[in-house]
Amino acid sequence: MKKIIDLTHRYESYVSTAGWIENVLRHRPEAVESYIREAKDLGFDIIEISTGFISLPTEDLLRLVERVNKAGLKAKPEPGIQFGAGGATPSGELTAEGTHNAQWLITKAKECLEAGAHMVMIESEGITENVDKWRTDVIAEMFDALGPDKTMFEAADPEVFE
């Protein structure tokens, strides 16, 4: 892994973890510190703080942003409008669960950026992943509110890559 990260850095690109911190958060608080320290030791630049499969209060999310920054890494929170989606979850089940609106997501994203997040990556669930119709309205509202410099969108499916 270290060789791949070093190669990526030679081409002046950032290297980000995936959303593994969701799993680490289930353990004792020291596990989070250990995860952040190991990511830094391996040469990662960015830690993704995904909230797709865990219920994480905003205050805790902001504390994680601060912890990542304090360690000298860049925080990339990944809020979304759909909780618990992904994988093989049928779109009908997710539709029944409902989603947050774009303004809720914008508020959370702004709070993360104000807390020092490097950028915000928007979860694809509920927008382009596991939906019957893409929610391009959410994407447009995010760009209008936050601009393209601090916002990125997860493209989890090949048809979204385009």
C-alpha atoms as a PDB file:
ATOM      1  CA  MET A   1       0.000   0.000   0.000  1.00  0.00           C
ATOM      2  CA  LYS A   2       2.826   2.382   0.888  1.00  0.00           C
ATOM      3  CA  LYS A   3       4.374   1.936  -2.581  1.00  0.00           C
ATOM      4  CA  ILE A   4       1.068   2.779  -4.286  1.00  0.00           C
ATOM      5  CA  ILE A   5       0.587   5.837  -2.083  1.00  0.00           C
ATOM      6  CA  ASP A   6       4.145   7.015  -2.773  1.00  0.00           C
ATOM      7  CA  LEU A   7       3.614   6.541  -6.516  1.00  0.00           C
ATOM      8  CA  THR A   8       0.417   8.564  -6.352  1.00  0.00           C
ATOM      9  CA  HIS A   9       2.228  11.353  -4.524  1.00  0.00           C
ATOM     10  CA  ARG A  10       4.907  11.433  -7.231  1.00  0.00           C
ATOM     11  CA  TYR A  11       2.125  12.457  -9.611  1.00  0.00           C
ATOM     12  CA  GLU A  12       1.009  15.178  -7.171  1.00  0.00           C
ATOM     13  CA  SER A  13      -2.320  13.554  -6.302  1.00  0.00           C
ATOM     14  CA  TYR A  14      -3.980  13.264  -2.933  1.00  0.00           C
ATOM     15  CA  VAL A  15      -4.662   9.831  -1.498  1.00  0.00           C
ATOM     16  CA  SER A  16      -7.869   9.323   0.450  1.00  0.00           C
ATOM     17  CA  THR A  17      -9.046   6.504   2.638  1.00  0.00           C
ATOM     18  CA  ALA A  18     -12.423   5.020   1.868  1.00  0.00           C
ATOM     19  CA  GLY A  19     -15.265   5.067   4.390  1.00  0.00           C
ATOM     20  CA  TRP A  20     -13.688   2.523   6.759  1.00  0.00           C
ATOM     21  CA  ILE A  21     -13.903   4.858   9.741  1.00  0.00           C
ATOM     22  CA  GLU A  22     -17.578   3.825  10.000  1.00  0.00           C
ATOM     23  CA  ASN A  23     -16.362   0.416  11.158  1.00  0.00           C
ATOM     24  CA  VAL A  24     -13.717   1.824  13.485  1.00  0.00           C
ATOM     25  CA  LEU A  25     -16.258   4.014  15.286  1.00  0.00           C
ATOM     26  CA  ARG A  26     -17.957   0.885  16.675  1.00  0.00           C
ATOM     27  CA  HIS A  27     -14.915   0.257  18.855  1.00  0.00           C
ATOM     28  CA  ARG A  28     -13.357   2.103  21.765  1.00  0.00           C
ATOM     29  CA  PRO A  29     -12.301   5.757  21.253  1.00  0.00           C
ATOM     30  CA  GLU A  30      -8.624   4.771  21.125  1.00  0.00           C
ATOM     31  CA  ALA A  31      -9.355   2.798  17.951  1.00  0.00           C
ATOM     32  CA  VAL A  32     -10.246   6.029  16.137  1.00  0.00           C
ATOM     33  CA  GLU A  33      -6.960   7.632  17.177  1.00  0.00           C
ATOM     34  CA  SER A  34      -5.075   4.511  16.092  1.00  0.00           C
ATOM     35  CA  TYR A  35      -6.853   4.521  12.707  1.00  0.00           C
ATOM     36  CA  ILE A  36      -6.028   8.184  12.090  1.00  0.00           C
ATOM     37  CA  ARG A  37      -2.400   7.654  13.148  1.00  0.00           C
ATOM     38  CA  GLU A  38      -2.001   4.585  10.902  1.00  0.00           C
ATOM     39  CA  ALA A  39      -3.546   6.409   7.928  1.00  0.00           C
ATOM     40  CA  LYS A  40      -1.032   9.201   8.427  1.00  0.00           C
ATOM     41  CA  ASP A  41       1.883   6.789   8.859  1.00  0.00           C
ATOM     42  CA  LEU A  42       0.950   5.048   5.595  1.00  0.00           C
ATOM     43  CA  GLY A  43       0.955   8.398   3.789  1.00  0.00           C
ATOM     44  CA  PHE A  44      -2.753   9.025   3.282  1.00  0.00           C
ATOM     45  CA  ASP A  45      -3.592  12.706   2.838  1.00  0.00           C
ATOM     46  CA  ILE A  46      -7.350  12.591   3.366  1.00  0.00           C
ATOM     47  CA  ILE A  47      -9.620  10.641   5.668  1.00  0.00           C
ATOM     48  CA  GLU A  48     -13.142  10.082   4.405  1.00  0.00           C
ATOM     49  CA  ILE A  49     -15.739  10.297   7.157  1.00  0.00           C
ATOM     50  CA  SER A  50     -18.683   8.438   5.709  1.00  0.00           C
ATOM     51  CA  THR A  51     -22.045   8.379   7.462  1.00  0.00           C
ATOM     52  CA  GLY A  52     -23.998   6.091   5.149  1.00  0.00           C
ATOM     53  CA  PHE A  53     -24.348   3.139   7.492  1.00  0.00           C
ATOM     54  CA  ILE A  54     -24.079   4.712  10.935  1.00  0.00           C
ATOM     55  CA  SER A  55     -26.167   7.287  12.689  1.00  0.00           C
ATOM     56  CA  LEU A  56     -23.696   9.988  13.628  1.00  0.00           C
ATOM     57  CA  PRO A  57     -24.888  13.203  15.264  1.00  0.00           C
ATOM     58  CA  THR A  58     -23.568  16.359  13.605  1.00  0.00           C
ATOM     59  CA  GLU A  59     -21.584  17.302  16.729  1.00  0.00           C
ATOM     60  CA  ASP A  60     -19.706  13.991  16.571  1.00  0.00           C
ATOM     61  CA  LEU A  61     -19.087  14.375  12.845  1.00  0.00           C
ATOM     62  CA  LEU A  62     -17.623  17.842  13.447  1.00  0.00           C
ATOM     63  CA  ARG A  63     -15.436  16.486  16.252  1.00  0.00           C
ATOM     64  CA  LEU A  64     -14.072  13.875  13.845  1.00  0.00           C
ATOM     65  CA  VAL A  65     -13.291  16.607  11.310  1.00  0.00           C
ATOM     66  CA  GLU A  66     -11.337  18.441  14.014  1.00  0.00           C
ATOM     67  CA  ARG A  67      -9.482  15.267  15.106  1.00  0.00           C
ATOM     68  CA  VAL A  68      -8.432  14.493  11.539  1.00  0.00           C
ATOM     69  CA  ASN A  69      -7.243  18.082  11.012  1.00  0.00           C
ATOM     70  CA  LYS A  70      -5.361  18.063  14.324  1.00  0.00           C
ATOM     71  CA  ALA A  71      -3.482  14.969  13.124  1.00  0.00           C
ATOM     72  CA  GLY A  72      -2.298  16.935  10.064  1.00  0.00           C
ATOM     73  CA  LEU A  73      -4.605  15.206   7.590  1.00  0.00           C
ATOM     74  CA  LYS A  74      -7.470  16.571   5.528  1.00  0.00           C
ATOM     75  CA  ALA A  75     -11.015  15.625   6.501  1.00  0.00           C
ATOM     76  CA  LYS A  76     -13.539  14.686   3.824  1.00  0.00           C
ATOM     77  CA  PRO A  77     -16.947  14.115   5.426  1.00  0.00           C
ATOM     78  CA  GLU A  78     -19.464  12.238   3.305  1.00  0.00           C
ATOM     79  CA  PRO A  79     -22.997  13.152   4.347  1.00  0.00           C
ATOM     80  CA  GLY A  80     -25.978  12.005   2.344  1.00  0.00           C
ATOM     81  CA  ILE A  81     -29.727  12.253   2.040  1.00  0.00           C
ATOM     82  CA  GLN A  82     -30.369   8.496   2.427  1.00  0.00           C
ATOM     83  CA  PHE A  83     -29.418   6.529   5.531  1.00  0.00           C
ATOM     84  CA  GLY A  84     -28.591   2.817   5.398  1.00  0.00           C
ATOM     85  CA  ALA A  85     -28.498   2.470   1.622  1.00  0.00           C
ATOM     86  CA  GLY A  86     -25.986   0.807  -0.598  1.00  0.00           C
ATOM     87  CA  GLY A  87     -25.078  -2.616  -1.795  1.00  0.00           C
ATOM     88  CA  ALA A  88     -28.075  -4.710  -2.726  1.00  0.00           C
ATOM     89  CA  THR A  89     -30.739  -2.650  -0.991  1.00  0.00           C
ATOM     90  CA  PRO A  90     -33.771  -2.548  -3.320  1.00  0.00           C
ATOM     91  CA  SER A  91     -34.834   0.968  -4.330  1.00  0.00           C
ATOM     92  CA  GLY A  92     -38.410   0.249  -3.189  1.00  0.00           C
ATOM     93  CA  GLU A  93     -37.257  -0.329   0.394  1.00  0.00           C
ATOM     94  CA  LEU A  94     -35.238   2.861   0.353  1.00  0.00           C
ATOM     95  CA  THR A  95     -38.116   4.872  -1.091  1.00  0.00           C
ATOM     96  CA  ALA A  96     -40.272   3.711   1.817  1.00  0.00           C
ATOM     97  CA  GLU A  97     -37.583   4.920   4.256  1.00  0.00           C
ATOM     98  CA  GLY A  98     -37.587   8.428   2.786  1.00  0.00           C
ATOM     99  CA  THR A  99     -34.737  10.889   2.332  1.00  0.00           C
ATOM    100  CA  HIS A 100     -33.605  14.209   3.697  1.00  0.00           C
ATOM    101  CA  ASN A 101     -34.069  17.229   1.457  1.00  0.00           C
ATOM    102  CA  ALA A 102     -31.252  19.134  -0.215  1.00  0.00           C
ATOM    103  CA  GLN A 103     -31.378  22.000   2.299  1.00  0.00           C
ATOM    104  CA  TRP A 104     -30.764  19.589   5.183  1.00  0.00           C
ATOM    105  CA  LEU A 105     -27.725  18.250   3.312  1.00  0.00           C
ATOM    106  CA  ILE A 106     -26.468  21.741   2.476  1.00  0.00           C
ATOM    107  CA  THR A 107     -26.686  22.767   6.130  1.00  0.00           C
ATOM    108  CA  LYS A 108     -24.715  19.697   7.238  1.00  0.00           C
ATOM    109  CA  ALA A 109     -22.114  20.225   4.496  1.00  0.00           C
ATOM    110  CA  LYS A 110     -21.667  23.898   5.439  1.00  0.00           C
ATOM    111  CA  GLU A 111     -21.185  22.960   9.084  1.00  0.00           C
ATOM    112  CA  CYS A 112     -18.480  20.486   8.076  1.00  0.00           C
ATOM    113  CA  LEU A 113     -16.697  23.059   5.929  1.00  0.00           C
ATOM    114  CA  GLU A 114     -16.900  25.669   8.699  1.00  0.00           C
ATOM    115  CA  ALA A 115     -15.370  23.097  11.086  1.00  0.00           C
ATOM    116  CA  GLY A 116     -12.383  22.808   8.746  1.00  0.00           C
ATOM    117  CA  ALA A 117     -13.256  20.006   6.334  1.00  0.00           C
ATOM    118  CA  HIS A 118     -11.072  20.067   3.226  1.00  0.00           C
ATOM    119  CA  MET A 119     -14.091  19.288   1.077  1.00  0.00           C
ATOM    120  CA  VAL A 120     -17.390  17.464   1.333  1.00  0.00           C
ATOM    121  CA  MET A 121     -18.190  14.348  -0.685  1.00  0.00           C
ATOM    122  CA  ILE A 122     -21.905  13.744  -1.105  1.00  0.00           C
ATOM    123  CA  GLU A 123     -23.092  10.135  -0.739  1.00  0.00           C
ATOM    124  CA  SER A 124     -24.659   8.802  -3.920  1.00  0.00           C
ATOM    125  CA  GLU A 125     -27.329   6.812  -2.068  1.00  0.00           C
ATOM    126  CA  GLY A 126     -30.697   8.423  -2.556  1.00  0.00           C
ATOM    127  CA  ILE A 127     -29.340  10.621  -5.361  1.00  0.00           C
ATOM    128  CA  THR A 128     -28.006   8.325  -8.120  1.00  0.00           C
ATOM    129  CA  GLU A 129     -27.585   4.988  -6.340  1.00  0.00           C
ATOM    130  CA  ASN A 130     -30.495   2.637  -5.627  1.00  0.00           C
ATOM    131  CA  VAL A 131     -33.098   5.079  -6.941  1.00  0.00           C
ATOM    132  CA  ASP A 132     -35.661   4.812  -9.719  1.00  0.00           C
ATOM    133  CA  LYS A 133     -34.918   8.362 -10.913  1.00  0.00           C
ATOM    134  CA  TRP A 134     -31.739  10.362 -10.342  1.00  0.00           C
ATOM    135  CA  ARG A 135     -32.086  13.343  -7.987  1.00  0.00           C
ATOM    136  CA  THR A 136     -30.145  15.852 -10.095  1.00  0.00           C
ATOM    137  CA  ASP A 137     -32.037  18.600  -8.248  1.00  0.00           C
ATOM    138  CA  VAL A 138     -30.027  17.791  -5.109  1.00  0.00           C
ATOM    139  CA  ILE A 139     -26.761  17.984  -7.034  1.00  0.00           C
ATOM    140  CA  ALA A 140     -27.722  21.334  -8.585  1.00  0.00           C
ATOM    141  CA  GLU A 141     -28.735  22.786  -5.217  1.00  0.00           C
ATOM    142  CA  MET A 142     -25.462  21.616  -3.645  1.00  0.00           C
ATOM    143  CA  PHE A 143     -23.365  23.256  -6.355  1.00  0.00           C
ATOM    144  CA  ASP A 144     -25.426  26.459  -6.142  1.00  0.00           C
ATOM    145  CA  ALA A 145     -24.981  26.620  -2.375  1.00  0.00           C
ATOM    146  CA  LEU A 146     -21.384  25.433  -1.984  1.00  0.00           C
ATOM    147  CA  GLY A 147     -19.722  25.779  -5.363  1.00  0.00           C
ATOM    148  CA  PRO A 148     -17.623  23.159  -7.129  1.00  0.00           C
ATOM    149  CA  ASP A 149     -14.347  23.813  -5.267  1.00  0.00           C
ATOM    150  CA  LYS A 150     -15.404  22.222  -1.981  1.00  0.00           C
ATOM    151  CA  THR A 151     -17.974  19.710  -3.223  1.00  0.00           C
ATOM    152  CA  MET A 152     -17.584  16.330  -4.857  1.00  0.00           C
ATOM    153  CA  PHE A 153     -20.088  13.569  -5.511  1.00  0.00           C
ATOM    154  CA  GLU A 154     -19.642   9.853  -5.090  1.00  0.00           C
ATOM    155  CA  ALA A 155     -20.024   8.002  -8.373  1.00  0.00           C
ATOM    156  CA  ALA A 156     -20.683   4.458  -7.180  1.00  0.00           C
ATOM    157  CA  ASP A 157     -22.143   3.014 -10.395  1.00  0.00           C
ATOM    158  CA  PRO A 158     -20.632   2.814 -13.909  1.00  0.00           C
ATOM    159  CA  GLU A 159     -23.502   4.753 -15.492  1.00  0.00           C
ATOM    160  CA  VAL A 160     -22.825   7.622 -13.082  1.00  0.00           C
ATOM    161  CA  PHE A 161     -19.140   7.789 -14.064  1.00  0.00           C
ATOM    162  CA  GLU A 162     -20.104   9.441 -17.327  1.00  0.00           C
END
